[in-house]
C-alpha cells in the first residue's frame, strides 16, 4: 500500500478517524462480499461516513436514517434551497462547520484514485461474463418472439382465418458486416468475438 499523502481520501480517512473504511471500500469495489459497488456509490458511502464522524464528534444525537437524509439534503440536486438551508442550520447549531464538511466530500474520481493508486487495487472486468449476459438477453427476446408467433398462428388457425398444417417457428437474427461481407447469427458473432475484418 502506498503512503501517497496527495490522496484526498487518504488524508480524510486520517482526519476523520475512519481507518477501517479503506479496506471496506476496496472490498465493495471488487465485489468480494457480494455484488460489486460502483465508484459513485462508494463516494456517497465515504461522504456519509465523513458526515457521520463529524456528527458524532459534535455530540449530536441522530436516529437511524438521519445521516443518509442529511447527506441527501446537503448534496442532492432535487432538494429545495429552503430544505438545504434548514439542514445546514441544524448541523451548524450542533457545532459543525457545514461549509468545510461539504468541501471535504469527495467525487468518484477521488475514490478511484485512492483505490488504484494508494491501495493498489485493480478491478478486471470479466468481459466474457458481460457478453454472456447480453447473449442471454437476446436469447430471451428470440424465445419471446417465437412464442408470440406460435400463439398468433394457433389463434388464427383456431379461428379459421389461417390454414396451416403441422408447423415449426424459426427465429433468427443475423448480423451482416458491410465492410467484410461476413454474415453471422448473433450467437455465432458473440462466440467468435469478431467478424472477418482485419
N, C-alpha and C. Protein backbone atom coordinates (compact mmCIF):
# COMPACT_ATOMS: atom_id res chain seq x y z
N UNK A 1 0.84 -1.18 0.00
CA UNK A 1 0.00 0.00 0.00
C UNK A 1 0.88 1.24 0.00
N UNK A 2 0.57 2.17 -0.86
CA UNK A 2 1.34 3.41 -0.96
C UNK A 2 0.96 4.35 0.17
N UNK A 3 1.86 5.24 0.50
CA UNK A 3 1.55 6.25 1.51
C UNK A 3 1.39 7.60 0.84
N UNK A 4 0.75 7.63 -0.31
CA UNK A 4 0.58 8.84 -1.11
C UNK A 4 -0.24 9.86 -0.33
N UNK A 5 0.44 10.88 0.22
CA UNK A 5 -0.25 11.87 1.04
C UNK A 5 -1.03 12.86 0.18
N UNK A 6 -0.87 12.81 -1.15
CA UNK A 6 -1.63 13.71 -2.02
C UNK A 6 -3.06 13.23 -2.21
N UNK A 7 -3.37 12.02 -1.79
CA UNK A 7 -4.72 11.49 -1.94
C UNK A 7 -5.65 12.16 -0.94
N UNK A 8 -6.67 12.82 -1.47
CA UNK A 8 -7.64 13.49 -0.59
C UNK A 8 -8.33 12.47 0.30
N UNK A 9 -8.68 11.32 -0.26
CA UNK A 9 -9.39 10.30 0.51
C UNK A 9 -8.51 9.81 1.66
N UNK A 10 -7.24 9.54 1.39
CA UNK A 10 -6.33 9.07 2.44
C UNK A 10 -6.20 10.11 3.55
N UNK A 11 -6.09 11.38 3.17
CA UNK A 11 -5.98 12.44 4.18
C UNK A 11 -7.24 12.53 5.03
N UNK A 12 -8.40 12.38 4.38
CA UNK A 12 -9.66 12.47 5.12
C UNK A 12 -9.88 11.27 6.03
N UNK A 13 -9.42 10.11 5.60
CA UNK A 13 -9.51 8.93 6.47
C UNK A 13 -8.76 9.18 7.77
N UNK A 14 -7.59 9.79 7.68
CA UNK A 14 -6.82 10.12 8.89
C UNK A 14 -7.51 11.22 9.69
N UNK A 15 -7.95 12.27 9.00
CA UNK A 15 -8.54 13.43 9.69
C UNK A 15 -9.83 13.07 10.41
N UNK A 16 -10.63 12.19 9.84
CA UNK A 16 -11.92 11.83 10.42
C UNK A 16 -11.88 10.51 11.19
N UNK A 17 -10.69 9.94 11.33
CA UNK A 17 -10.51 8.70 12.08
C UNK A 17 -11.39 7.58 11.54
N UNK A 18 -11.22 7.30 10.23
CA UNK A 18 -12.04 6.30 9.55
C UNK A 18 -11.19 5.12 9.05
N UNK A 19 -10.18 4.75 9.80
CA UNK A 19 -9.20 3.75 9.34
C UNK A 19 -9.79 2.51 8.68
N UNK A 20 -10.83 1.89 9.20
CA UNK A 20 -11.30 0.64 8.59
C UNK A 20 -11.97 0.82 7.22
N UNK A 21 -12.34 2.05 6.88
CA UNK A 21 -13.16 2.23 5.68
C UNK A 21 -12.41 1.94 4.39
N UNK A 22 -11.09 2.11 4.40
CA UNK A 22 -10.31 1.86 3.19
C UNK A 22 -10.48 0.43 2.69
N UNK A 23 -10.32 -0.52 3.58
CA UNK A 23 -10.47 -1.93 3.21
C UNK A 23 -11.92 -2.24 2.81
N UNK A 24 -12.87 -1.59 3.48
CA UNK A 24 -14.28 -1.81 3.14
C UNK A 24 -14.59 -1.31 1.74
N UNK A 25 -14.07 -0.13 1.40
CA UNK A 25 -14.29 0.42 0.06
C UNK A 25 -13.69 -0.49 -1.01
N UNK A 26 -12.48 -0.97 -0.75
CA UNK A 26 -11.81 -1.84 -1.72
C UNK A 26 -12.60 -3.13 -1.92
N UNK A 27 -13.03 -3.75 -0.83
CA UNK A 27 -13.79 -5.00 -0.93
C UNK A 27 -15.10 -4.79 -1.68
N UNK A 28 -15.76 -3.66 -1.42
CA UNK A 28 -17.03 -3.38 -2.09
C UNK A 28 -16.81 -3.12 -3.58
N UNK A 29 -15.72 -2.44 -3.92
CA UNK A 29 -15.42 -2.15 -5.33
C UNK A 29 -15.09 -3.43 -6.10
N UNK A 30 -14.40 -4.33 -5.44
CA UNK A 30 -14.03 -5.58 -6.09
C UNK A 30 -15.13 -6.64 -6.01
N UNK A 31 -16.18 -6.37 -5.24
CA UNK A 31 -17.28 -7.31 -5.11
C UNK A 31 -16.93 -8.53 -4.29
N UNK A 32 -16.03 -8.37 -3.33
CA UNK A 32 -15.56 -9.52 -2.54
C UNK A 32 -16.62 -10.08 -1.61
N UNK A 33 -17.56 -9.26 -1.21
CA UNK A 33 -18.58 -9.75 -0.27
C UNK A 33 -19.98 -9.66 -0.86
N UNK A 34 -20.06 -9.85 -2.16
CA UNK A 34 -21.37 -9.78 -2.81
C UNK A 34 -21.29 -9.00 -4.10
N UNK A 35 -22.35 -8.27 -4.38
CA UNK A 35 -22.41 -7.51 -5.62
C UNK A 35 -21.45 -6.34 -5.58
N UNK A 36 -20.76 -6.12 -6.67
CA UNK A 36 -19.79 -5.04 -6.78
C UNK A 36 -20.49 -3.68 -6.76
N UNK A 37 -19.92 -2.71 -6.01
CA UNK A 37 -20.48 -1.37 -5.94
C UNK A 37 -19.71 -0.43 -6.85
N UNK A 38 -20.44 0.51 -7.44
CA UNK A 38 -19.82 1.47 -8.35
C UNK A 38 -19.02 2.50 -7.57
N UNK A 39 -18.13 3.19 -8.27
CA UNK A 39 -17.32 4.23 -7.64
C UNK A 39 -18.20 5.36 -7.12
N UNK A 40 -19.27 5.68 -7.84
CA UNK A 40 -20.20 6.73 -7.38
C UNK A 40 -20.87 6.33 -6.07
N UNK A 41 -21.31 5.06 -5.99
CA UNK A 41 -21.92 4.58 -4.75
C UNK A 41 -20.91 4.62 -3.60
N UNK A 42 -19.65 4.28 -3.92
CA UNK A 42 -18.62 4.30 -2.88
C UNK A 42 -18.30 5.71 -2.44
N UNK A 43 -18.35 6.67 -3.36
CA UNK A 43 -18.13 8.07 -2.98
C UNK A 43 -19.23 8.52 -2.02
N UNK A 44 -20.48 8.17 -2.33
CA UNK A 44 -21.58 8.52 -1.43
C UNK A 44 -21.40 7.85 -0.07
N UNK A 45 -21.00 6.60 -0.09
CA UNK A 45 -20.78 5.86 1.16
C UNK A 45 -19.69 6.53 1.99
N UNK A 46 -18.60 6.91 1.33
CA UNK A 46 -17.49 7.56 2.03
C UNK A 46 -17.94 8.91 2.61
N UNK A 47 -18.66 9.69 1.80
CA UNK A 47 -19.11 11.01 2.25
C UNK A 47 -20.07 10.90 3.43
N UNK A 48 -20.93 9.89 3.40
CA UNK A 48 -21.82 9.68 4.56
C UNK A 48 -21.02 9.31 5.80
N UNK A 49 -19.93 8.57 5.61
CA UNK A 49 -19.07 8.22 6.75
C UNK A 49 -18.41 9.48 7.32
N UNK A 50 -18.00 10.41 6.44
CA UNK A 50 -17.45 11.69 6.91
C UNK A 50 -18.50 12.44 7.73
N UNK A 51 -19.70 12.51 7.20
CA UNK A 51 -20.78 13.21 7.88
C UNK A 51 -21.08 12.56 9.23
N UNK A 52 -21.14 11.23 9.25
CA UNK A 52 -21.41 10.50 10.49
C UNK A 52 -20.34 10.80 11.54
N UNK A 53 -19.07 10.82 11.10
CA UNK A 53 -17.98 11.10 12.01
C UNK A 53 -18.07 12.52 12.56
N UNK A 54 -18.38 13.48 11.68
CA UNK A 54 -18.48 14.88 12.12
C UNK A 54 -19.63 15.06 13.10
N UNK A 55 -20.75 14.40 12.82
CA UNK A 55 -21.92 14.49 13.70
C UNK A 55 -21.59 13.87 15.06
N UNK A 56 -20.91 12.71 15.02
CA UNK A 56 -20.53 12.04 16.26
C UNK A 56 -19.60 12.93 17.09
N UNK A 57 -18.60 13.52 16.42
CA UNK A 57 -17.64 14.36 17.13
C UNK A 57 -18.31 15.60 17.72
N UNK A 58 -19.38 16.07 17.08
CA UNK A 58 -20.10 17.25 17.58
C UNK A 58 -21.04 16.88 18.72
N UNK A 59 -21.20 15.58 18.99
CA UNK A 59 -22.08 15.15 20.07
C UNK A 59 -23.55 15.26 19.73
N UNK A 60 -23.85 15.32 18.45
CA UNK A 60 -25.24 15.49 18.00
C UNK A 60 -25.94 14.13 18.02
N UNK A 61 -27.16 14.09 18.57
CA UNK A 61 -27.94 12.86 18.60
C UNK A 61 -28.69 12.72 17.28
N UNK A 62 -28.52 11.57 16.64
CA UNK A 62 -29.26 11.29 15.40
C UNK A 62 -29.84 9.89 15.49
N UNK A 63 -30.93 9.69 14.78
CA UNK A 63 -31.56 8.37 14.74
C UNK A 63 -31.21 7.70 13.42
N UNK A 64 -31.53 6.41 13.32
CA UNK A 64 -31.26 5.66 12.10
C UNK A 64 -31.85 6.38 10.89
N UNK A 65 -31.06 6.48 9.86
CA UNK A 65 -31.54 7.08 8.61
C UNK A 65 -31.31 8.57 8.52
N UNK A 66 -31.01 9.22 9.65
CA UNK A 66 -30.85 10.68 9.62
C UNK A 66 -29.58 11.10 8.88
N UNK A 67 -28.50 10.33 9.03
CA UNK A 67 -27.26 10.67 8.34
C UNK A 67 -27.49 10.63 6.83
N UNK A 68 -28.12 9.56 6.37
CA UNK A 68 -28.43 9.43 4.94
C UNK A 68 -29.29 10.60 4.47
N UNK A 69 -30.27 10.98 5.29
CA UNK A 69 -31.16 12.08 4.91
C UNK A 69 -30.42 13.42 4.90
N UNK A 70 -29.59 13.66 5.91
CA UNK A 70 -28.80 14.90 5.92
C UNK A 70 -27.90 14.97 4.68
N UNK A 71 -27.29 13.84 4.35
CA UNK A 71 -26.40 13.81 3.17
C UNK A 71 -27.19 14.16 1.91
N UNK A 72 -28.37 13.57 1.78
CA UNK A 72 -29.21 13.87 0.61
C UNK A 72 -29.58 15.35 0.58
N UNK A 73 -29.96 15.90 1.74
CA UNK A 73 -30.34 17.31 1.79
C UNK A 73 -29.18 18.23 1.44
N UNK A 74 -27.96 17.82 1.78
CA UNK A 74 -26.79 18.65 1.50
C UNK A 74 -26.29 18.53 0.06
N UNK A 75 -26.60 17.42 -0.61
CA UNK A 75 -25.96 17.18 -1.90
C UNK A 75 -26.89 16.97 -3.09
N UNK A 76 -28.11 16.51 -2.86
CA UNK A 76 -28.98 16.16 -3.99
C UNK A 76 -29.44 17.41 -4.74
N UNK A 77 -29.50 17.29 -6.04
CA UNK A 77 -29.89 18.42 -6.87
C UNK A 77 -31.38 18.73 -6.79
N UNK A 78 -32.20 17.73 -6.42
CA UNK A 78 -33.64 17.95 -6.40
C UNK A 78 -34.15 18.47 -5.05
N UNK A 79 -33.23 18.83 -4.16
CA UNK A 79 -33.62 19.37 -2.85
C UNK A 79 -33.78 20.88 -2.97
N UNK A 80 -34.86 21.39 -2.42
CA UNK A 80 -35.11 22.84 -2.49
C UNK A 80 -34.08 23.59 -1.64
N UNK A 81 -33.85 24.82 -2.01
CA UNK A 81 -32.87 25.65 -1.26
C UNK A 81 -33.30 25.80 0.20
N UNK A 82 -34.61 25.90 0.43
CA UNK A 82 -35.11 26.06 1.80
C UNK A 82 -34.80 24.85 2.66
N UNK A 83 -35.03 23.65 2.10
CA UNK A 83 -34.75 22.42 2.85
C UNK A 83 -33.26 22.28 3.12
N UNK A 84 -32.44 22.64 2.12
CA UNK A 84 -30.99 22.55 2.30
C UNK A 84 -30.52 23.50 3.40
N UNK A 85 -31.02 24.73 3.38
CA UNK A 85 -30.63 25.72 4.40
C UNK A 85 -31.07 25.27 5.77
N UNK A 86 -32.25 24.69 5.86
CA UNK A 86 -32.75 24.17 7.15
C UNK A 86 -31.81 23.10 7.70
N UNK A 87 -31.38 22.18 6.83
CA UNK A 87 -30.46 21.13 7.26
C UNK A 87 -29.12 21.73 7.68
N UNK A 88 -28.62 22.67 6.89
CA UNK A 88 -27.35 23.32 7.23
C UNK A 88 -27.45 24.02 8.57
N UNK A 89 -28.56 24.70 8.83
CA UNK A 89 -28.74 25.43 10.09
C UNK A 89 -28.77 24.48 11.29
N UNK A 90 -29.44 23.32 11.15
CA UNK A 90 -29.48 22.36 12.24
C UNK A 90 -28.08 21.82 12.55
N UNK A 91 -27.32 21.50 11.48
CA UNK A 91 -25.97 20.99 11.69
C UNK A 91 -25.06 22.08 12.26
N UNK A 92 -25.23 23.29 11.78
CA UNK A 92 -24.43 24.42 12.27
C UNK A 92 -24.71 24.67 13.75
N UNK A 93 -25.99 24.56 14.13
CA UNK A 93 -26.37 24.78 15.54
C UNK A 93 -25.75 23.71 16.44
N UNK A 94 -25.46 22.54 15.88
CA UNK A 94 -24.84 21.47 16.66
C UNK A 94 -23.33 21.63 16.74
N UNK A 95 -22.81 22.66 16.05
CA UNK A 95 -21.37 22.93 16.13
C UNK A 95 -20.57 22.44 14.93
N UNK A 96 -21.23 22.01 13.88
CA UNK A 96 -20.50 21.55 12.70
C UNK A 96 -20.19 22.72 11.77
N UNK A 97 -19.02 22.69 11.17
CA UNK A 97 -18.68 23.64 10.11
C UNK A 97 -19.15 23.01 8.80
N UNK A 98 -20.37 23.33 8.43
CA UNK A 98 -21.01 22.66 7.29
C UNK A 98 -20.26 22.94 5.99
N UNK A 99 -19.82 24.17 5.79
CA UNK A 99 -19.10 24.51 4.56
C UNK A 99 -17.83 23.68 4.42
N UNK A 100 -17.08 23.56 5.51
CA UNK A 100 -15.84 22.77 5.47
C UNK A 100 -16.15 21.30 5.25
N UNK A 101 -17.22 20.81 5.86
CA UNK A 101 -17.60 19.41 5.69
C UNK A 101 -17.96 19.11 4.24
N UNK A 102 -18.80 19.96 3.66
CA UNK A 102 -19.20 19.74 2.26
C UNK A 102 -17.99 19.85 1.34
N UNK A 103 -17.08 20.75 1.67
CA UNK A 103 -15.84 20.87 0.88
C UNK A 103 -15.02 19.59 0.95
N UNK A 104 -15.13 18.86 2.04
CA UNK A 104 -14.40 17.61 2.20
C UNK A 104 -15.03 16.45 1.42
N UNK A 105 -16.29 16.56 1.05
CA UNK A 105 -16.92 15.48 0.30
C UNK A 105 -16.12 15.21 -0.97
N UNK A 106 -16.01 13.93 -1.31
CA UNK A 106 -15.17 13.52 -2.44
C UNK A 106 -16.02 13.06 -3.62
N UNK A 107 -15.39 13.05 -4.79
CA UNK A 107 -16.03 12.58 -6.01
C UNK A 107 -15.64 11.13 -6.25
N UNK A 108 -16.29 10.53 -7.23
CA UNK A 108 -15.94 9.14 -7.56
C UNK A 108 -14.53 9.06 -8.12
N UNK A 109 -14.04 10.15 -8.77
CA UNK A 109 -12.66 10.14 -9.27
C UNK A 109 -11.66 10.05 -8.12
N UNK A 110 -11.96 10.74 -7.03
CA UNK A 110 -11.07 10.69 -5.87
C UNK A 110 -11.05 9.28 -5.27
N UNK A 111 -12.21 8.63 -5.26
CA UNK A 111 -12.28 7.25 -4.76
C UNK A 111 -11.48 6.33 -5.67
N UNK A 112 -11.63 6.50 -6.98
CA UNK A 112 -10.88 5.65 -7.92
C UNK A 112 -9.37 5.85 -7.72
N UNK A 113 -8.92 7.10 -7.58
CA UNK A 113 -7.50 7.37 -7.36
C UNK A 113 -7.01 6.69 -6.09
N UNK A 114 -7.80 6.80 -5.03
CA UNK A 114 -7.42 6.20 -3.76
C UNK A 114 -7.30 4.68 -3.89
N UNK A 115 -8.31 4.07 -4.50
CA UNK A 115 -8.31 2.60 -4.59
C UNK A 115 -7.20 2.09 -5.49
N UNK A 116 -6.97 2.74 -6.62
CA UNK A 116 -5.99 2.23 -7.57
C UNK A 116 -4.56 2.67 -7.25
N UNK A 117 -4.39 3.94 -6.89
CA UNK A 117 -3.04 4.46 -6.70
C UNK A 117 -2.52 4.31 -5.27
N UNK A 118 -3.39 4.44 -4.30
CA UNK A 118 -2.95 4.36 -2.90
C UNK A 118 -3.03 2.92 -2.38
N UNK A 119 -4.18 2.26 -2.65
CA UNK A 119 -4.34 0.89 -2.16
C UNK A 119 -3.84 -0.16 -3.16
N UNK A 120 -3.58 0.26 -4.39
CA UNK A 120 -3.06 -0.67 -5.40
C UNK A 120 -4.08 -1.68 -5.88
N UNK A 121 -5.36 -1.39 -5.73
CA UNK A 121 -6.41 -2.31 -6.17
C UNK A 121 -6.64 -2.15 -7.66
N UNK A 122 -7.01 -3.23 -8.30
CA UNK A 122 -7.39 -3.14 -9.70
C UNK A 122 -8.56 -4.07 -9.94
N UNK A 123 -9.50 -3.57 -10.70
CA UNK A 123 -10.69 -4.36 -11.00
C UNK A 123 -10.62 -4.78 -12.45
N UNK A 124 -10.55 -6.08 -12.65
CA UNK A 124 -10.53 -6.63 -14.01
C UNK A 124 -11.93 -7.06 -14.35
N UNK A 125 -12.50 -6.41 -15.35
CA UNK A 125 -13.83 -6.79 -15.77
C UNK A 125 -13.78 -8.13 -16.48
N UNK A 126 -14.76 -8.94 -16.20
CA UNK A 126 -14.89 -10.22 -16.88
C UNK A 126 -15.71 -9.97 -18.14
N UNK A 127 -14.99 -9.66 -19.26
CA UNK A 127 -15.67 -9.33 -20.50
C UNK A 127 -16.52 -10.47 -21.01
N UNK A 128 -16.08 -11.71 -20.79
CA UNK A 128 -16.86 -12.85 -21.27
C UNK A 128 -18.19 -12.92 -20.53
N UNK A 129 -18.16 -12.62 -19.23
CA UNK A 129 -19.41 -12.63 -18.46
C UNK A 129 -20.36 -11.58 -19.00
N UNK A 130 -19.82 -10.42 -19.39
CA UNK A 130 -20.66 -9.37 -19.96
C UNK A 130 -21.29 -9.81 -21.27
N UNK A 131 -20.51 -10.49 -22.11
CA UNK A 131 -21.02 -11.00 -23.39
C UNK A 131 -22.10 -12.05 -23.13
N UNK A 132 -21.84 -12.95 -22.20
CA UNK A 132 -22.82 -13.99 -21.88
C UNK A 132 -24.12 -13.39 -21.35
N UNK A 133 -24.00 -12.33 -20.56
CA UNK A 133 -25.19 -11.67 -20.03
C UNK A 133 -26.01 -11.06 -21.17
N UNK A 134 -25.32 -10.39 -22.10
CA UNK A 134 -26.02 -9.79 -23.24
C UNK A 134 -26.64 -10.87 -24.12
N UNK A 135 -25.94 -11.97 -24.28
CA UNK A 135 -26.47 -13.06 -25.12
C UNK A 135 -27.73 -13.63 -24.50
N UNK A 136 -27.77 -13.75 -23.18
CA UNK A 136 -28.97 -14.30 -22.54
C UNK A 136 -30.16 -13.37 -22.76
N UNK A 137 -29.92 -12.06 -22.80
CA UNK A 137 -31.00 -11.11 -23.07
C UNK A 137 -31.54 -11.34 -24.48
N UNK A 138 -30.63 -11.48 -25.46
CA UNK A 138 -31.04 -11.72 -26.84
C UNK A 138 -31.77 -13.05 -26.96
N UNK A 139 -31.27 -14.09 -26.30
CA UNK A 139 -31.92 -15.40 -26.34
C UNK A 139 -33.35 -15.33 -25.79
N UNK A 140 -33.53 -14.57 -24.70
CA UNK A 140 -34.88 -14.43 -24.13
C UNK A 140 -35.81 -13.70 -25.10
N UNK A 141 -35.27 -12.68 -25.77
CA UNK A 141 -36.10 -11.94 -26.73
C UNK A 141 -36.49 -12.83 -27.91
N UNK A 142 -35.54 -13.62 -28.40
CA UNK A 142 -35.85 -14.52 -29.51
C UNK A 142 -36.90 -15.55 -29.09
N UNK A 143 -36.80 -16.08 -27.89
CA UNK A 143 -37.78 -17.04 -27.39
C UNK A 143 -39.16 -16.41 -27.29
N UNK A 144 -39.17 -15.16 -26.86
CA UNK A 144 -40.45 -14.46 -26.75
C UNK A 144 -41.08 -14.25 -28.12
N UNK A 145 -40.28 -13.84 -29.10
CA UNK A 145 -40.79 -13.67 -30.46
C UNK A 145 -41.35 -14.99 -30.98
N UNK A 146 -40.64 -16.08 -30.73
CA UNK A 146 -41.10 -17.40 -31.17
C UNK A 146 -42.45 -17.74 -30.54
N UNK A 147 -42.60 -17.47 -29.23
CA UNK A 147 -43.87 -17.74 -28.56
C UNK A 147 -45.01 -16.89 -29.13
N UNK A 148 -44.73 -15.61 -29.37
CA UNK A 148 -45.76 -14.71 -29.90
C UNK A 148 -46.21 -15.18 -31.28
N UNK A 149 -45.24 -15.56 -32.13
CA UNK A 149 -45.59 -16.04 -33.47
C UNK A 149 -46.42 -17.32 -33.38
N UNK A 150 -45.99 -18.25 -32.53
CA UNK A 150 -46.71 -19.52 -32.39
C UNK A 150 -48.12 -19.28 -31.88
N UNK A 151 -48.26 -18.42 -30.85
CA UNK A 151 -49.60 -18.12 -30.31
C UNK A 151 -50.48 -17.47 -31.36
N UNK A 152 -49.91 -16.58 -32.16
CA UNK A 152 -50.68 -15.89 -33.20
C UNK A 152 -51.15 -16.87 -34.26
N UNK A 153 -50.24 -17.73 -34.74
CA UNK A 153 -50.62 -18.73 -35.76
C UNK A 153 -51.69 -19.66 -35.20
N UNK A 154 -51.53 -20.13 -33.98
CA UNK A 154 -52.51 -21.03 -33.37
C UNK A 154 -53.87 -20.34 -33.24
N UNK A 155 -53.86 -19.10 -32.82
CA UNK A 155 -55.12 -18.38 -32.63
C UNK A 155 -55.84 -18.18 -33.97
N UNK A 156 -55.08 -17.75 -34.99
CA UNK A 156 -55.69 -17.53 -36.30
C UNK A 156 -56.16 -18.83 -36.92
N UNK A 157 -55.37 -19.91 -36.75
CA UNK A 157 -55.78 -21.21 -37.29
C UNK A 157 -57.03 -21.71 -36.57
N UNK A 158 -57.08 -21.51 -35.27
CA UNK A 158 -58.24 -21.93 -34.49
C UNK A 158 -59.50 -21.17 -34.86
N UNK A 159 -59.33 -19.94 -35.30
CA UNK A 159 -60.48 -19.12 -35.69
C UNK A 159 -60.86 -19.32 -37.15
N UNK A 160 -60.13 -20.20 -37.84
CA UNK A 160 -60.43 -20.46 -39.23
C UNK A 160 -59.97 -19.36 -40.18
N UNK A 161 -59.11 -18.49 -39.73
CA UNK A 161 -58.63 -17.38 -40.55
C UNK A 161 -57.27 -17.68 -41.17
N UNK A 162 -56.72 -18.86 -40.87
CA UNK A 162 -55.41 -19.25 -41.41
C UNK A 162 -55.39 -20.76 -41.55
N UNK A 163 -54.97 -21.22 -42.72
CA UNK A 163 -54.86 -22.66 -42.93
C UNK A 163 -53.39 -23.04 -42.89
N UNK A 164 -53.04 -23.93 -41.96
CA UNK A 164 -51.65 -24.35 -41.82
C UNK A 164 -51.64 -25.75 -41.22
N UNK A 165 -50.73 -26.59 -41.73
CA UNK A 165 -50.58 -27.93 -41.17
C UNK A 165 -49.66 -27.88 -39.97
N UNK A 166 -49.04 -29.03 -39.65
CA UNK A 166 -48.05 -29.03 -38.58
C UNK A 166 -46.94 -28.06 -38.97
N UNK A 167 -46.51 -27.25 -38.04
CA UNK A 167 -45.52 -26.23 -38.40
C UNK A 167 -44.50 -26.06 -37.29
N UNK A 168 -43.40 -25.44 -37.63
CA UNK A 168 -42.36 -25.05 -36.67
C UNK A 168 -42.05 -23.58 -36.92
N UNK A 169 -41.65 -22.89 -35.87
CA UNK A 169 -41.30 -21.47 -35.97
C UNK A 169 -39.80 -21.33 -35.77
N UNK A 170 -39.16 -20.61 -36.68
CA UNK A 170 -37.73 -20.34 -36.58
C UNK A 170 -37.53 -18.84 -36.43
N UNK A 171 -36.79 -18.44 -35.44
CA UNK A 171 -36.46 -17.03 -35.25
C UNK A 171 -34.95 -16.91 -35.26
N UNK A 172 -34.45 -16.13 -36.19
CA UNK A 172 -33.00 -15.96 -36.29
C UNK A 172 -32.70 -14.50 -36.57
N UNK A 173 -31.74 -13.97 -35.85
CA UNK A 173 -31.29 -12.61 -36.09
C UNK A 173 -29.85 -12.71 -36.59
N UNK A 174 -29.63 -12.18 -37.78
CA UNK A 174 -28.30 -12.22 -38.38
C UNK A 174 -27.67 -10.84 -38.35
N UNK A 175 -26.36 -10.84 -38.29
CA UNK A 175 -25.59 -9.59 -38.35
C UNK A 175 -24.72 -9.66 -39.60
N UNK A 176 -24.83 -8.65 -40.46
CA UNK A 176 -24.04 -8.58 -41.68
C UNK A 176 -23.06 -7.43 -41.54
N UNK A 177 -21.76 -7.75 -41.59
CA UNK A 177 -20.75 -6.69 -41.58
C UNK A 177 -20.61 -6.18 -43.01
N UNK A 178 -20.91 -4.93 -43.22
CA UNK A 178 -20.86 -4.38 -44.56
C UNK A 178 -19.43 -4.13 -45.03
N UNK A 179 -18.47 -4.15 -44.14
CA UNK A 179 -17.07 -3.95 -44.54
C UNK A 179 -16.47 -5.23 -45.12
N UNK A 180 -16.65 -6.37 -44.42
CA UNK A 180 -16.02 -7.60 -44.89
C UNK A 180 -16.99 -8.55 -45.56
N UNK A 181 -18.30 -8.26 -45.44
CA UNK A 181 -19.29 -9.12 -46.05
C UNK A 181 -19.65 -10.33 -45.22
N UNK A 182 -19.05 -10.50 -44.05
CA UNK A 182 -19.35 -11.63 -43.20
C UNK A 182 -20.75 -11.53 -42.62
N UNK A 183 -21.48 -12.64 -42.65
CA UNK A 183 -22.82 -12.68 -42.08
C UNK A 183 -22.89 -13.80 -41.06
N UNK A 184 -23.42 -13.47 -39.88
CA UNK A 184 -23.42 -14.42 -38.77
C UNK A 184 -24.72 -14.29 -38.01
N UNK A 185 -25.15 -15.40 -37.40
CA UNK A 185 -26.21 -15.26 -36.42
C UNK A 185 -25.60 -14.51 -35.23
N UNK A 186 -26.46 -13.93 -34.43
CA UNK A 186 -25.94 -13.19 -33.27
C UNK A 186 -25.10 -14.11 -32.39
N UNK A 187 -25.57 -15.33 -32.18
CA UNK A 187 -24.82 -16.29 -31.35
C UNK A 187 -23.45 -16.58 -31.91
N UNK A 188 -23.37 -16.78 -33.23
CA UNK A 188 -22.08 -17.05 -33.86
C UNK A 188 -21.12 -15.88 -33.68
N UNK A 189 -21.64 -14.67 -33.91
CA UNK A 189 -20.78 -13.50 -33.79
C UNK A 189 -20.28 -13.32 -32.36
N UNK A 190 -21.16 -13.53 -31.39
CA UNK A 190 -20.74 -13.38 -29.99
C UNK A 190 -19.74 -14.46 -29.60
N UNK A 191 -19.92 -15.68 -30.12
CA UNK A 191 -18.96 -16.75 -29.84
C UNK A 191 -17.60 -16.45 -30.44
N UNK A 192 -17.61 -15.98 -31.69
CA UNK A 192 -16.35 -15.65 -32.37
C UNK A 192 -15.65 -14.45 -31.73
N UNK A 193 -16.46 -13.46 -31.37
CA UNK A 193 -15.89 -12.23 -30.79
C UNK A 193 -15.42 -11.24 -31.84
N UNK A 194 -15.61 -11.56 -33.11
CA UNK A 194 -15.17 -10.64 -34.20
C UNK A 194 -15.75 -11.13 -35.51
N UNK A 195 -15.77 -10.22 -36.47
CA UNK A 195 -16.14 -10.62 -37.84
C UNK A 195 -14.86 -10.96 -38.59
N UNK A 196 -14.91 -10.94 -39.94
CA UNK A 196 -13.73 -11.28 -40.72
C UNK A 196 -12.86 -10.06 -41.06
N UNK A 197 -13.23 -8.90 -40.56
CA UNK A 197 -12.38 -7.72 -40.80
C UNK A 197 -11.04 -7.92 -40.11
N UNK A 198 -10.00 -7.36 -40.69
CA UNK A 198 -8.66 -7.43 -40.05
C UNK A 198 -8.64 -6.54 -38.84
